[in-house]
Amino acid sequence: MNPTAATRPRVSPGFRLQWEPVQDCHVLLYPEGMVKLNGSAGEIMKRCDGERSVEAIAIDIETTHTLKGLQADVLAFVALAAEQRWLTWE
C-alpha cells in the first residue's frame, strides 16, 4: 500500500529509533544490526509515531526548519522506508 498525505506511519515492530551520540545521528536498531540515518531521514523518522500524518510531519519539519514544499519528499521517504520495512501504518 502506497502512503498518502493522510497516512500515519510508525516505526515497525522489531525496530527501535534512537539518537546515537557517538554516531552523531539517529539510528534504527534491529536484531541483526543498525541503520545509520542521515539528518533528513532522522528528522522524518523521529516524527513517525503513528499519530501524525505524513502531511503533519511535513508541516512540522517545514515550521521547525523554516522550509517549504517538503510533503513530496516526506512521502517519498516514507514509501522507501516502508519498502525497507522500517515503517508501517494501518
Protein backbone atom coordinates (compact mmCIF):
# COMPACT_ATOMS: atom_id res chain seq x y z
CA MET A 1 0.00 0.00 0.00
CA ASN A 2 1.44 3.37 -1.02
CA PRO A 3 1.44 6.15 1.57
CA THR A 4 -0.69 9.27 1.13
CA ALA A 5 -0.70 12.62 2.89
CA ALA A 6 -3.18 11.12 5.39
CA THR A 7 -1.01 8.06 6.18
CA ARG A 8 0.08 7.89 9.83
CA PRO A 9 3.40 6.00 9.76
CA ARG A 10 5.08 4.47 12.80
CA VAL A 11 8.31 2.58 13.35
CA SER A 12 7.72 -1.10 12.60
CA PRO A 13 7.80 -3.73 15.32
CA GLY A 14 11.31 -5.11 15.75
CA PHE A 15 12.94 -1.73 15.06
CA ARG A 16 13.89 0.99 17.52
CA LEU A 17 14.80 4.55 16.63
CA GLN A 18 17.24 6.38 18.87
CA TRP A 19 19.76 9.20 18.88
CA GLU A 20 23.29 7.84 18.96
CA PRO A 21 25.69 10.47 20.35
CA VAL A 22 28.79 8.53 19.25
CA GLN A 23 27.48 8.43 15.66
CA ASP A 24 26.07 11.99 15.98
CA CYS A 25 22.87 10.88 14.24
CA HIS A 26 19.65 8.94 14.62
CA VAL A 27 19.98 5.21 14.12
CA LEU A 28 17.44 2.48 13.58
CA LEU A 29 18.28 -0.60 15.61
CA TYR A 30 17.05 -4.11 14.82
CA PRO A 31 18.16 -7.57 15.97
CA GLU A 32 20.55 -8.09 13.04
CA GLY A 33 22.17 -4.68 13.14
CA MET A 34 21.80 -0.94 12.80
CA VAL A 35 20.91 1.58 10.09
CA LYS A 36 22.63 4.95 10.37
CA LEU A 37 20.20 7.63 9.19
CA ASN A 38 21.16 10.91 7.57
CA GLY A 39 19.79 14.14 9.05
CA SER A 40 16.70 14.33 6.85
CA ALA A 41 15.76 10.70 7.44
CA GLY A 42 16.22 11.12 11.18
CA GLU A 43 14.01 14.21 11.20
CA ILE A 44 11.24 12.31 9.43
CA MET A 45 11.60 9.05 11.38
CA LYS A 46 11.52 10.72 14.79
CA ARG A 47 8.09 12.12 13.91
CA CYS A 48 6.67 8.78 12.75
CA ASP A 49 4.73 7.99 15.91
CA GLY A 50 1.54 6.56 14.39
CA GLU A 51 -0.33 9.69 15.47
CA ARG A 52 0.89 12.26 12.95
CA SER A 53 0.04 12.07 9.28
CA VAL A 54 2.63 12.49 6.54
CA GLU A 55 1.13 15.94 5.94
CA ALA A 56 1.54 16.88 9.63
CA ILE A 57 5.11 15.56 9.66
CA ALA A 58 6.00 17.66 6.60
CA ILE A 59 4.39 20.78 8.13
CA ASP A 60 6.23 20.24 11.42
CA ILE A 61 9.60 19.90 9.67
CA GLU A 62 8.87 22.93 7.46
CA THR A 63 7.96 25.01 10.52
CA THR A 64 10.90 23.81 12.63
CA HIS A 65 13.48 24.39 9.90
CA THR A 66 11.86 27.34 8.07
CA LEU A 67 11.41 25.37 4.84
CA LYS A 68 8.57 24.94 2.35
CA GLY A 69 7.27 22.26 0.00
CA LEU A 70 8.55 19.11 1.74
CA GLN A 71 5.44 16.92 1.55
CA ALA A 72 6.50 15.13 -1.66
CA ASP A 73 9.95 14.42 -0.19
CA VAL A 74 8.44 13.12 3.06
CA LEU A 75 6.04 10.90 1.10
CA ALA A 76 8.92 9.53 -0.99
CA PHE A 77 10.97 8.74 2.12
CA VAL A 78 8.01 7.09 3.89
CA ALA A 79 7.44 4.89 0.81
CA LEU A 80 11.13 3.92 0.72
CA ALA A 81 11.20 3.25 4.48
CA ALA A 82 8.09 1.07 4.12
CA GLU A 83 9.82 -0.94 1.37
CA GLN A 84 12.69 -1.50 3.82
CA ARG A 85 10.09 -2.48 6.46
CA TRP A 86 11.26 0.34 8.77
CA LEU A 87 7.80 1.95 8.82
CA THR A 88 4.27 0.62 8.86
CA TRP A 89 0.74 2.00 9.11
CA GLU A 90 -2.83 0.78 9.27
